[in-house]
Amino acid sequence: MNRETLTNHIRPLLAGAALSLLLISGGMTPAFAETPADTLVQAWAIDDTITLDPAESFELSPAEFIGNAYDMLVRLDIADTTKVKGGVADSWTVSDDGLTYTFKLKPGIKFASGNPVTAEDVAWSFERVVKLDKSPAFILTQFGLTGENVAEKAKAVDESTFVFTVDKAYAPSFVLNCLTATVGAVLDKKLVMEHAEAKTPSDDYKYDTDFGYGWLKTNYAGSGPFKIRDWRANEILVLERNDNYYGEKPALARVIYRHVKESATQRLMLEAGDVDVARNLEPGDLDAVSKNADLTTTSAPKGTVYYISLNQKNENLAKPEVREAFKYLVDYDAIGSTLIKGIGEIRQTYQAKGVLGALEASPYKLDVAKAKELLEKAGLKDGFSVTFDVRNTQPVTGIAESFQQTAGQAGVKIEIIPGDGKQTLTKYRARNHDLYIGQWGMDYWDPNSNGEAFTSNPDNGDDASVKTLAWRNAWDIPELTAESKAALLERDNAKRAAMYEKLQQQALETSPFVMIFQQIEVAGVRGNVKGYTLGPSFDSNPLAPVSKE
């Protein structure tokens, strides 16, 4: 969709106040009337949105869009995160040998297009993910799915029955939790294939279609409570109520996300009534909002951790002593009391609190003298220079600057390279960084989500098909990878928890990840907004229950 068409499409529905939102960019905060009664307007940094295709999207803000616009076979039960609940699946069973999962679909449900949701749509959605083989595909392919066998391993046996066969007897909770991820979104096969492009099979591409890949980057084919109507990168995303949704219909006609990075700008817009929700509030602005009688705040611990990573392709960063030294060069106390006050909690292990097997350990503190000893042991007594890729939003910019200053005391000269979310992520995913400050959100509420990301790297080659965070930082760890895989097959929860605790301890001591904090997601909300809550993951921030008085 070109820019002119998009603008003309949005304009009639965004009359008055909301229309003015289209003119906002950066720090501009024009004054205008309050937002429409049937529309929720959110100010949020959404510059990490690269694609709207569930088979490819692997960023945080689009997880929320997809989570509200698509449905999966099963969903995380926000009220009890030890459980999953039905999405398009009404019920499911697991065979005695633990290999076969049979799902019965809810009867009579439809996509936003009006097409019926069938088991064939589910099977094709799995097939599409596996054959496109984009970044999040491993969430499904780890169960033994390949382009050659997916049609047999994930298949419709009739219109309402989908059967999924895995290669090993995994813990059932692990399998079901994986299916809650956005990569498991059920797509409208008929609609997507109407927009598919023919391909000529070659050594680089095995199939005769792109499975609608080009079209779905900017379009929508789901069955969730909202449908994605428009997206303009780094500017706006519009969700609209899906009247074909099988569940309780949203009270709101639409939800608009405005890309606004600056916390102070978001707060001013919220106070003026220009937006209903502000999503990136820094501690000072959060405090101001909490004291405003017209506003309220909400928060939720997130399965999201922030970390500094060291690319092991850099020969200095690859030295064990340097990895350890960097963990003594973070001013955890200062960061915790200022930069992340109210929006995060210092955490030095990679599992989020509340997840099975989360290790509670914080052995590191700022100790420049200790870091200097380690650097000298590594043969770097006089220090060295590195670059640091940093997304230009808070609090990561502030943390990076703090680390730059404390590392400098030990002779490590850091050049900060700022960029937007897309720029820094693209460079990081290509392993072209030295240092990178990252935000990792769980793909599904199971310890393997973070365990595999940080402590598994099956193939350290540049052309590897599985590109975990360990791979992105060229951390070659065959033993930890084996331990990570073994934890998936342990059905006893206590034993499985112990295995993940061990993995975290080993990472704490030896990994190229300097863990900083676990996110507490916060939002400032206008007083007339009701039912707005945040969930434990970004794809579980529900918009359907939200209303405005």
Protein backbone atom coordinates (compact mmCIF):
# COMPACT_ATOMS: atom_id res chain seq x y z
CA MET A 1 0.00 0.00 0.00
CA ASN A 2 1.54 3.33 -1.01
CA ARG A 3 1.71 6.37 1.25
CA GLU A 4 -1.03 8.29 -0.53
CA THR A 5 -3.46 5.39 -0.41
CA LEU A 6 -2.74 4.77 3.25
CA THR A 7 -3.31 8.39 4.19
CA ASN A 8 -6.61 8.53 2.31
CA HIS A 9 -7.71 5.26 3.91
CA ILE A 10 -7.11 6.45 7.44
CA ARG A 11 -8.36 10.01 7.10
CA PRO A 12 -12.14 9.46 7.06
CA LEU A 13 -12.02 7.40 10.24
CA LEU A 14 -9.73 9.68 12.17
CA ALA A 15 -11.77 12.83 12.12
CA GLY A 16 -11.11 15.67 14.53
CA ALA A 17 -8.71 14.92 17.33
CA ALA A 18 -7.36 11.62 16.08
CA LEU A 19 -6.60 13.09 12.65
CA SER A 20 -4.20 15.51 14.30
CA LEU A 21 -2.28 12.52 15.64
CA LEU A 22 -1.12 11.80 12.11
CA LEU A 23 0.81 15.06 12.22
CA ILE A 24 2.70 14.20 15.36
CA SER A 25 6.30 13.16 15.06
CA GLY A 26 9.10 13.26 17.56
CA GLY A 27 8.58 15.98 20.14
CA MET A 28 5.68 17.77 18.44
CA THR A 29 2.68 17.98 20.76
CA PRO A 30 -0.04 20.11 19.19
CA ALA A 31 -3.05 20.88 21.35
CA PHE A 32 -6.40 19.43 20.32
CA ALA A 33 -9.56 17.90 21.72
CA GLU A 34 -9.66 14.58 23.50
CA THR A 35 -9.59 11.33 21.57
CA PRO A 36 -12.86 9.87 20.21
CA ALA A 37 -14.97 7.83 22.64
CA ASP A 38 -14.78 4.66 20.53
CA THR A 39 -11.02 4.89 19.93
CA LEU A 40 -8.08 4.14 22.19
CA VAL A 41 -4.94 6.05 21.25
CA GLN A 42 -1.62 4.82 22.61
CA ALA A 43 1.75 6.56 22.47
CA TRP A 44 4.47 3.92 22.23
CA ALA A 45 7.87 3.46 20.61
CA ILE A 46 7.03 1.05 17.79
CA ASP A 47 10.12 1.52 15.62
CA ASP A 48 11.10 -2.12 16.14
CA THR A 49 8.19 -3.19 13.92
CA ILE A 50 9.72 -4.65 10.76
CA THR A 51 6.92 -6.90 9.51
CA LEU A 52 3.35 -7.88 10.40
CA ASP A 53 3.81 -11.48 9.21
CA PRO A 54 3.52 -13.87 12.20
CA ALA A 55 5.90 -16.27 10.45
CA GLU A 56 8.63 -13.63 10.47
CA SER A 57 7.86 -11.09 13.19
CA PHE A 58 10.16 -11.54 16.16
CA GLU A 59 10.11 -8.14 17.81
CA LEU A 60 8.32 -6.83 20.90
CA SER A 61 5.79 -4.23 19.78
CA PRO A 62 4.42 -6.28 16.86
CA ALA A 63 3.94 -9.18 19.30
CA GLU A 64 1.22 -7.07 20.90
CA PHE A 65 -0.38 -6.26 17.54
CA ILE A 66 -0.32 -9.90 16.44
CA GLY A 67 -1.47 -11.13 19.85
CA ASN A 68 -4.61 -9.01 19.59
CA ALA A 69 -5.27 -9.55 15.89
CA TYR A 70 -4.56 -13.26 15.45
CA ASP A 71 -5.54 -16.36 17.35
CA MET A 72 -3.49 -19.47 17.98
CA LEU A 73 -4.52 -23.03 18.76
CA VAL A 74 -3.97 -22.29 22.46
CA ARG A 75 -3.25 -19.14 24.45
CA LEU A 76 -1.44 -18.42 27.71
CA ASP A 77 -3.88 -18.20 30.61
CA ILE A 78 -2.99 -14.78 32.02
CA ALA A 79 -4.88 -15.55 35.23
CA ASP A 80 -2.68 -18.62 35.83
CA THR A 81 0.51 -18.73 33.75
CA THR A 82 1.10 -22.38 34.63
CA LYS A 83 -1.77 -23.18 32.25
CA VAL A 84 -2.86 -22.63 28.67
CA LYS A 85 -6.42 -22.15 27.45
CA GLY A 86 -8.13 -22.68 24.15
CA GLY A 87 -7.65 -20.30 21.25
CA VAL A 88 -9.23 -21.66 18.08
CA ALA A 89 -8.89 -25.08 19.74
CA ASP A 90 -11.83 -26.15 21.87
CA SER A 91 -10.05 -29.16 23.39
CA TRP A 92 -6.92 -31.29 22.97
CA THR A 93 -5.44 -34.61 24.02
CA VAL A 94 -1.92 -36.04 24.21
CA SER A 95 -1.20 -39.65 23.30
CA ASP A 96 0.22 -42.02 25.93
CA ASP A 97 3.62 -42.04 24.22
CA GLY A 98 3.75 -38.23 24.33
CA LEU A 99 4.23 -37.86 20.58
CA THR A 100 0.79 -37.00 19.20
CA TYR A 101 -1.30 -33.94 20.05
CA THR A 102 -4.86 -33.90 18.74
CA PHE A 103 -6.79 -30.62 18.70
CA LYS A 104 -10.53 -30.20 18.15
CA LEU A 105 -11.42 -26.76 16.81
CA LYS A 106 -14.24 -24.59 18.08
CA PRO A 107 -17.25 -24.98 15.78
CA GLY A 108 -18.45 -22.26 13.44
CA ILE A 109 -15.67 -19.73 13.89
CA LYS A 110 -14.56 -17.38 11.12
CA PHE A 111 -11.64 -15.24 10.05
CA ALA A 112 -12.09 -11.48 9.77
CA SER A 113 -12.55 -12.05 6.03
CA GLY A 114 -15.61 -14.20 6.68
CA ASN A 115 -13.85 -17.40 5.58
CA PRO A 116 -14.34 -20.34 7.99
CA VAL A 117 -11.46 -21.33 10.27
CA THR A 118 -10.66 -24.97 9.53
CA ALA A 119 -8.04 -27.51 10.53
CA GLU A 120 -6.63 -27.10 7.02
CA ASP A 121 -5.88 -23.44 7.84
CA VAL A 122 -4.04 -24.55 10.97
CA ALA A 123 -2.03 -27.19 9.11
CA TRP A 124 -1.17 -24.76 6.29
CA SER A 125 -0.11 -22.10 8.80
CA PHE A 126 2.36 -24.58 10.32
CA GLU A 127 3.57 -25.60 6.86
CA ARG A 128 4.06 -21.97 5.85
CA VAL A 129 6.18 -21.19 8.94
CA VAL A 130 8.40 -24.21 8.40
CA LYS A 131 8.90 -23.67 4.67
CA LEU A 132 9.52 -19.93 4.92
CA ASP A 133 12.00 -20.69 7.73
CA LYS A 134 12.27 -17.18 9.14
CA SER A 135 13.74 -16.28 12.55
CA PRO A 136 10.93 -17.59 14.80
CA ALA A 137 10.45 -20.82 12.81
CA PHE A 138 12.64 -22.72 15.26
CA ILE A 139 9.79 -22.59 17.81
CA LEU A 140 8.02 -25.13 15.58
CA THR A 141 10.93 -26.82 13.78
CA GLN A 142 12.50 -27.82 17.11
CA PHE A 143 9.81 -30.52 17.24
CA GLY A 144 11.30 -32.26 14.22
CA LEU A 145 9.36 -30.45 11.50
CA THR A 146 11.03 -29.96 8.12
CA GLY A 147 9.85 -28.78 4.75
CA GLU A 148 9.74 -32.40 3.66
CA ASN A 149 7.72 -33.83 6.57
CA VAL A 150 5.56 -30.95 7.82
CA ALA A 151 2.55 -31.92 5.73
CA GLU A 152 2.53 -35.30 7.48
CA LYS A 153 3.54 -34.13 10.97
CA ALA A 154 1.07 -31.21 11.11
CA LYS A 155 -2.10 -32.18 9.30
CA ALA A 156 -5.86 -31.85 9.19
CA VAL A 157 -7.64 -35.19 9.48
CA ASP A 158 -11.01 -33.56 9.00
CA GLU A 159 -12.41 -30.03 8.92
CA SER A 160 -12.27 -29.59 12.71
CA THR A 161 -9.43 -31.91 13.79
CA PHE A 162 -5.75 -31.01 13.65
CA VAL A 163 -3.05 -33.53 14.58
CA PHE A 164 0.49 -32.50 15.51
CA THR A 165 3.17 -35.19 15.80
CA VAL A 166 6.43 -34.34 17.56
CA ASP A 167 9.72 -36.21 17.29
CA LYS A 168 10.33 -36.80 21.00
CA ALA A 169 8.28 -37.18 24.17
CA TYR A 170 8.74 -33.60 25.35
CA ALA A 171 7.20 -32.21 28.51
CA PRO A 172 3.60 -31.49 27.32
CA SER A 173 3.63 -28.08 28.99
CA PHE A 174 6.62 -27.15 26.84
CA VAL A 175 4.89 -28.13 23.61
CA LEU A 176 1.66 -26.34 24.47
CA ASN A 177 3.48 -23.22 25.66
CA CYS A 178 5.36 -23.07 22.37
CA LEU A 179 2.07 -23.14 20.48
CA THR A 180 0.98 -19.94 22.29
CA ALA A 181 3.76 -18.01 20.53
CA THR A 182 2.81 -15.58 17.75
CA VAL A 183 4.57 -17.77 15.19
CA GLY A 184 1.74 -20.23 15.85
CA ALA A 185 -0.88 -17.76 14.62
CA VAL A 186 -3.59 -19.37 12.50
CA LEU A 187 -3.78 -17.71 9.07
CA ASP A 188 -6.58 -17.48 6.53
CA LYS A 189 -5.08 -19.75 3.85
CA LYS A 190 -7.58 -18.78 1.15
CA LEU A 191 -7.01 -15.04 1.62
CA VAL A 192 -3.21 -15.24 1.86
CA MET A 193 -2.84 -17.48 -1.18
CA GLU A 194 -4.93 -15.06 -3.24
CA HIS A 195 -1.97 -12.71 -2.79
CA ALA A 196 0.81 -15.27 -3.15
CA GLU A 197 3.44 -14.81 -5.85
CA ALA A 198 4.69 -17.63 -8.02
CA LYS A 199 8.34 -18.59 -7.59
CA THR A 200 10.73 -20.66 -9.66
CA PRO A 201 12.24 -23.37 -7.45
CA SER A 202 16.03 -23.15 -7.27
CA ASP A 203 18.94 -24.03 -5.03
CA ASP A 204 18.11 -20.97 -2.94
CA TYR A 205 14.34 -21.47 -2.79
CA LYS A 206 12.67 -24.87 -2.86
CA TYR A 207 9.03 -23.97 -3.46
CA ASP A 208 6.90 -22.63 -6.30
CA THR A 209 5.15 -19.96 -4.19
CA ASP A 210 6.14 -17.30 -1.68
CA PHE A 211 3.16 -18.31 0.52
CA GLY A 212 1.98 -14.69 0.46
CA TYR A 213 5.18 -13.57 2.17
CA GLY A 214 5.47 -10.30 0.26
CA TRP A 215 1.83 -9.39 0.87
CA LEU A 216 1.60 -10.32 4.55
CA LYS A 217 4.48 -8.06 5.57
CA THR A 218 2.01 -5.17 5.54
CA ASN A 219 -1.38 -6.88 5.51
CA TYR A 220 -3.57 -9.03 7.71
CA ALA A 221 -5.25 -12.45 7.57
CA GLY A 222 -6.33 -13.43 11.08
CA SER A 223 -9.30 -14.18 13.32
CA GLY A 224 -8.52 -12.28 16.55
CA PRO A 225 -10.69 -9.69 18.33
CA PHE A 226 -9.09 -6.90 16.29
CA LYS A 227 -7.86 -6.76 12.72
CA ILE A 228 -4.79 -4.86 11.59
CA ARG A 229 -6.03 -2.25 9.17
CA ASP A 230 -3.08 0.07 8.51
CA TRP A 231 0.59 0.35 9.36
CA ARG A 232 3.04 3.06 8.46
CA ALA A 233 6.55 2.24 9.69
CA ASN A 234 7.81 4.47 12.52
CA GLU A 235 4.55 6.44 12.48
CA ILE A 236 1.27 4.66 13.13
CA LEU A 237 -0.52 1.34 13.40
CA VAL A 238 -4.31 1.03 13.42
CA LEU A 239 -6.31 -1.90 14.80
CA GLU A 240 -10.02 -2.14 14.05
CA ARG A 241 -12.67 -4.27 15.74
CA ASN A 242 -13.21 -7.64 14.06
CA ASP A 243 -16.97 -8.12 13.96
CA ASN A 244 -16.49 -11.76 12.93
CA TYR A 245 -14.62 -12.58 16.15
CA TYR A 246 -16.10 -15.67 17.82
CA GLY A 247 -15.60 -14.40 21.38
CA GLU A 248 -16.91 -11.34 23.19
CA LYS A 249 -16.63 -8.39 20.83
CA PRO A 250 -14.30 -5.53 21.83
CA ALA A 251 -16.02 -2.45 23.17
CA LEU A 252 -13.69 -0.20 21.18
CA ALA A 253 -14.08 0.36 17.45
CA ARG A 254 -10.36 0.85 16.98
CA VAL A 255 -7.01 1.18 18.68
CA ILE A 256 -4.36 3.54 17.31
CA TYR A 257 -0.68 3.24 18.16
CA ARG A 258 1.33 6.41 17.62
CA HIS A 259 5.10 6.11 17.40
CA VAL A 260 6.34 8.52 20.06
CA LYS A 261 9.72 7.79 21.59
CA GLU A 262 10.26 10.46 24.22
CA SER A 263 8.84 9.80 27.68
CA ALA A 264 8.28 13.50 28.42
CA THR A 265 6.39 13.93 25.16
CA GLN A 266 4.20 10.95 25.95
CA ARG A 267 3.44 12.31 29.43
CA LEU A 268 2.48 15.75 28.08
CA MET A 269 0.21 14.16 25.46
CA LEU A 270 -1.42 12.00 28.14
CA GLU A 271 -1.97 14.96 30.48
CA ALA A 272 -3.51 17.00 27.64
CA GLY A 273 -5.82 14.15 26.62
CA ASP A 274 -4.17 13.84 23.22
CA VAL A 275 -3.56 10.14 23.92
CA ASP A 276 -5.29 7.71 26.25
CA VAL A 277 -2.26 5.61 27.16
CA ALA A 278 1.47 6.36 27.43
CA ARG A 279 3.71 3.31 27.20
CA ASN A 280 7.38 4.34 27.53
CA LEU A 281 7.35 6.40 30.70
CA GLU A 282 10.67 6.91 32.43
CA PRO A 283 10.81 6.99 36.24
CA GLY A 284 10.36 10.78 36.59
CA ASP A 285 7.42 10.93 34.21
CA LEU A 286 5.86 7.84 35.76
CA ASP A 287 6.03 9.54 39.15
CA ALA A 288 4.37 12.68 37.76
CA VAL A 289 1.56 10.64 36.19
CA SER A 290 0.95 8.75 39.43
CA LYS A 291 0.36 12.08 41.22
CA ASN A 292 -2.13 13.38 38.66
CA ALA A 293 -5.75 12.92 39.78
CA ASP A 294 -6.97 12.66 36.17
CA LEU A 295 -4.63 9.78 35.40
CA THR A 296 -3.82 6.35 36.69
CA THR A 297 -1.01 3.84 36.19
CA THR A 298 -0.84 0.12 35.67
CA SER A 299 2.13 -2.24 35.66
CA ALA A 300 3.10 -5.89 35.28
CA PRO A 301 6.36 -7.81 35.63
CA LYS A 302 7.32 -8.89 32.14
CA GLY A 303 9.05 -12.00 30.88
CA THR A 304 11.53 -9.54 29.39
CA VAL A 305 15.14 -9.06 30.40
CA TYR A 306 17.72 -6.47 29.37
CA TYR A 307 21.33 -7.37 28.83
CA ILE A 308 24.65 -6.25 27.34
CA SER A 309 26.17 -8.82 25.00
CA LEU A 310 29.74 -9.30 23.88
CA ASN A 311 30.36 -10.62 20.38
CA GLN A 312 32.84 -13.49 20.67
CA LYS A 313 34.10 -12.76 17.16
CA ASN A 314 35.98 -9.87 18.77
CA GLU A 315 39.17 -11.47 20.07
CA ASN A 316 39.32 -9.22 23.13
CA LEU A 317 35.70 -9.79 24.11
CA ALA A 318 36.16 -13.55 23.63
CA LYS A 319 38.59 -13.77 26.55
CA PRO A 320 36.93 -15.30 29.65
CA GLU A 321 38.52 -12.71 31.91
CA VAL A 322 37.05 -9.87 29.84
CA ARG A 323 33.58 -11.42 29.97
CA GLU A 324 33.85 -11.60 33.74
CA ALA A 325 35.39 -8.12 34.04
CA PHE A 326 32.47 -6.53 32.23
CA LYS A 327 30.10 -7.94 34.84
CA TYR A 328 31.99 -5.93 37.45
CA LEU A 329 31.78 -2.73 35.40
CA VAL A 330 28.03 -2.17 35.69
CA ASP A 331 26.79 0.23 38.37
CA TYR A 332 23.79 -1.92 39.23
CA ASP A 333 22.79 0.12 42.30
CA ALA A 334 22.78 3.46 40.47
CA ILE A 335 20.87 2.04 37.48
CA GLY A 336 18.32 0.41 39.76
CA SER A 337 17.67 3.55 41.82
CA THR A 338 17.46 5.99 38.90
CA LEU A 339 17.18 4.79 35.30
CA ILE A 340 14.81 1.88 35.91
CA LYS A 341 13.10 2.97 39.12
CA GLY A 342 9.53 1.70 38.92
CA ILE A 343 10.00 0.22 35.44
CA GLY A 344 12.44 -2.59 36.17
CA GLU A 345 14.20 -4.66 38.79
CA ILE A 346 17.91 -5.47 38.74
CA ARG A 347 18.36 -9.09 37.71
CA GLN A 348 21.61 -10.87 36.90
CA THR A 349 20.16 -14.15 35.63
CA TYR A 350 18.40 -14.57 32.31
CA GLN A 351 15.19 -16.24 33.50
CA ALA A 352 12.38 -13.92 34.50
CA LYS A 353 10.92 -14.24 37.98
CA GLY A 354 7.89 -16.48 38.07
CA VAL A 355 9.16 -18.88 35.42
CA LEU A 356 9.88 -22.50 36.31
CA GLY A 357 13.48 -22.85 37.53
CA ALA A 358 14.27 -19.13 37.72
CA LEU A 359 17.56 -18.73 39.62
CA GLU A 360 17.81 -16.02 42.26
CA ALA A 361 21.46 -14.95 42.26
CA SER A 362 23.16 -11.53 42.15
CA PRO A 363 26.87 -12.03 42.76
CA TYR A 364 28.13 -8.97 40.86
CA LYS A 365 28.47 -5.35 41.89
CA LEU A 366 30.45 -2.40 40.53
CA ASP A 367 34.09 -3.15 41.32
CA VAL A 368 36.50 -1.33 39.02
CA ALA A 369 39.56 -2.65 40.82
CA LYS A 370 38.40 -6.26 40.36
CA ALA A 371 37.69 -5.58 36.68
CA LYS A 372 41.19 -4.12 36.20
CA GLU A 373 42.72 -7.25 37.73
CA LEU A 374 40.80 -9.43 35.31
CA LEU A 375 41.72 -7.26 32.31
CA GLU A 376 45.40 -7.42 33.27
CA LYS A 377 45.11 -11.21 33.57
CA ALA A 378 43.71 -11.20 30.03
CA GLY A 379 46.76 -9.28 28.81
CA LEU A 380 44.82 -6.03 28.47
CA LYS A 381 46.28 -3.98 31.29
CA ASP A 382 46.04 -0.79 29.23
CA GLY A 383 42.48 -1.49 28.18
CA PHE A 384 41.09 -1.58 24.64
CA SER A 385 38.47 0.06 22.42
CA VAL A 386 35.09 -1.29 21.28
CA THR A 387 31.88 -0.05 19.71
CA PHE A 388 28.47 -0.30 21.36
CA ASP A 389 25.24 -0.49 19.31
CA VAL A 390 22.40 1.10 21.24
CA ARG A 391 18.76 1.71 20.34
CA ASN A 392 18.14 5.42 20.85
CA THR A 393 15.40 5.09 23.45
CA GLN A 394 15.41 5.15 27.22
CA PRO A 395 16.32 3.50 29.48
CA VAL A 396 18.83 1.68 27.26
CA THR A 397 20.61 4.88 26.20
CA GLY A 398 21.08 5.89 29.82
CA ILE A 399 22.32 2.42 30.78
CA ALA A 400 24.75 2.42 27.86
CA GLU A 401 26.12 5.83 28.87
CA SER A 402 26.46 4.69 32.47
CA PHE A 403 28.35 1.58 31.34
CA GLN A 404 30.52 3.67 29.02
CA GLN A 405 31.54 5.82 31.98
CA THR A 406 32.28 2.99 34.44
CA ALA A 407 34.07 0.87 31.83
CA GLY A 408 36.22 3.89 31.03
CA GLN A 409 37.47 3.84 34.61
CA ALA A 410 39.00 0.44 33.84
CA GLY A 411 40.56 1.63 30.56
CA VAL A 412 37.87 0.23 28.24
CA LYS A 413 37.03 2.90 25.68
CA ILE A 414 33.48 2.50 24.36
CA GLU A 415 32.10 4.30 21.33
CA ILE A 416 28.30 4.34 21.42
CA ILE A 417 26.63 3.94 18.01
CA PRO A 418 22.97 4.99 18.32
CA GLY A 419 20.27 3.77 15.97
CA ASP A 420 16.57 2.99 15.81
CA GLY A 421 15.24 -0.45 16.68
CA LYS A 422 15.37 -1.78 13.13
CA GLN A 423 18.94 -0.57 12.52
CA THR A 424 20.41 -1.98 15.70
CA LEU A 425 18.51 -5.27 15.48
CA THR A 426 19.51 -5.86 11.87
CA LYS A 427 23.17 -5.32 12.67
CA TYR A 428 22.97 -7.49 15.78
CA ARG A 429 21.25 -10.35 13.95
CA ALA A 430 24.06 -10.32 11.38
CA ARG A 431 26.69 -10.62 14.15
CA ASN A 432 28.30 -7.37 13.01
CA HIS A 433 28.43 -5.71 16.44
CA ASP A 434 31.02 -5.55 19.21
CA LEU A 435 28.75 -4.73 22.12
CA TYR A 436 24.97 -4.57 21.96
CA ILE A 437 22.37 -3.71 24.57
CA GLY A 438 19.38 -5.95 24.06
CA GLN A 439 15.85 -6.54 25.27
CA TRP A 440 14.71 -10.15 25.12
CA GLY A 441 11.07 -11.05 25.64
CA MET A 442 9.95 -14.63 26.14
CA ASP A 443 8.37 -16.18 23.05
CA TYR A 444 6.27 -18.46 25.26
CA TRP A 445 5.93 -18.88 29.02
CA ASP A 446 8.31 -21.78 29.52
CA PRO A 447 11.92 -21.78 30.81
CA ASN A 448 13.16 -23.10 27.49
CA SER A 449 12.26 -19.81 25.80
CA ASN A 450 15.05 -17.95 27.57
CA GLY A 451 17.14 -21.04 28.30
CA GLU A 452 17.52 -21.88 24.63
CA ALA A 453 18.08 -18.25 23.65
CA PHE A 454 20.95 -17.67 26.06
CA THR A 455 22.47 -21.15 26.52
CA SER A 456 22.01 -23.05 23.27
CA ASN A 457 23.88 -22.73 19.97
CA PRO A 458 23.58 -25.92 17.88
CA ASP A 459 25.59 -24.51 14.96
CA ASN A 460 27.95 -21.56 15.33
CA GLY A 461 28.45 -21.19 11.57
CA ASP A 462 27.47 -17.92 9.92
CA ASP A 463 24.90 -19.77 7.81
CA ALA A 464 23.30 -21.62 10.74
CA SER A 465 19.56 -22.20 10.54
CA VAL A 466 19.03 -21.74 14.29
CA LYS A 467 20.15 -18.26 15.34
CA THR A 468 19.76 -17.94 19.09
CA LEU A 469 21.19 -15.09 21.15
CA ALA A 470 24.19 -17.30 21.89
CA TRP A 471 24.65 -17.68 18.12
CA ARG A 472 24.32 -13.94 17.56
CA ASN A 473 27.27 -13.48 19.87
CA ALA A 474 29.24 -16.42 18.41
CA TRP A 475 29.32 -18.21 21.76
CA ASP A 476 30.13 -21.80 20.84
CA ILE A 477 28.79 -24.00 23.69
CA PRO A 478 28.18 -27.64 22.68
CA GLU A 479 27.95 -28.87 26.29
CA LEU A 480 25.41 -26.28 27.39
CA THR A 481 23.47 -26.85 24.18
CA ALA A 482 23.20 -30.55 25.03
CA GLU A 483 22.08 -29.74 28.58
CA SER A 484 19.48 -27.32 27.24
CA LYS A 485 18.06 -30.01 24.94
CA ALA A 486 17.97 -32.58 27.75
CA ALA A 487 15.85 -30.28 29.91
CA LEU A 488 13.09 -30.41 27.31
CA LEU A 489 12.57 -34.13 27.82
CA GLU A 490 12.29 -34.06 31.61
CA ARG A 491 8.64 -34.48 32.59
CA ASP A 492 9.22 -34.12 36.34
CA ASN A 493 8.87 -30.39 37.02
CA ALA A 494 11.17 -30.34 40.04
CA LYS A 495 13.97 -32.09 38.16
CA ARG A 496 13.39 -29.89 35.13
CA ALA A 497 13.58 -26.76 37.28
CA ALA A 498 16.92 -27.92 38.72
CA MET A 499 18.32 -28.39 35.21
CA TYR A 500 17.41 -24.83 34.26
CA GLU A 501 18.90 -23.47 37.48
CA LYS A 502 22.19 -25.15 36.60
CA LEU A 503 22.15 -23.67 33.10
CA GLN A 504 21.61 -20.20 34.52
CA GLN A 505 24.45 -20.59 37.00
CA GLN A 506 26.84 -21.62 34.26
CA ALA A 507 25.77 -18.69 32.13
CA LEU A 508 26.14 -16.32 35.06
CA GLU A 509 29.76 -17.37 35.47
CA THR A 510 30.94 -17.79 31.89
CA SER A 511 28.58 -16.28 29.32
CA PRO A 512 29.13 -13.17 27.17
CA PHE A 513 25.86 -11.78 28.54
CA VAL A 514 25.91 -9.12 31.23
CA MET A 515 22.37 -9.32 32.56
CA ILE A 516 21.00 -5.99 33.79
CA PHE A 517 17.33 -6.09 34.74
CA GLN A 518 13.89 -7.60 34.30
CA GLN A 519 11.31 -5.22 32.91
CA ILE A 520 8.30 -4.03 34.80
CA GLU A 521 6.08 -2.77 32.04
CA VAL A 522 4.20 0.37 33.02
CA ALA A 523 1.56 2.50 31.38
CA GLY A 524 0.03 5.83 32.21
CA VAL A 525 -3.70 5.76 31.52
CA ARG A 526 -6.46 8.39 31.29
CA GLY A 527 -9.03 8.05 34.06
CA ASN A 528 -11.90 7.35 31.65
CA VAL A 529 -10.20 4.22 30.28
CA LYS A 530 -11.47 1.03 31.90
CA GLY A 531 -10.22 -2.54 31.75
CA TYR A 532 -6.72 -1.71 30.51
CA THR A 533 -4.26 -4.28 31.84
CA LEU A 534 -0.81 -5.58 30.95
CA GLY A 535 0.10 -9.25 30.81
CA PRO A 536 3.32 -11.17 31.47
CA SER A 537 4.32 -11.18 27.78
CA PHE A 538 3.88 -8.63 25.02
CA ASP A 539 1.52 -10.87 23.07
CA SER A 540 -0.68 -11.14 26.18
CA ASN A 541 -1.51 -7.44 26.60
CA PRO A 542 -5.27 -7.80 25.91
CA LEU A 543 -7.19 -4.96 24.27
CA ALA A 544 -10.57 -6.64 23.87
CA PRO A 545 -11.67 -5.91 27.49
CA VAL A 546 -10.80 -2.19 27.25
CA SER A 547 -13.54 0.46 27.17
CA LYS A 548 -13.88 4.21 27.63
CA GLU A 549 -16.43 6.12 29.66
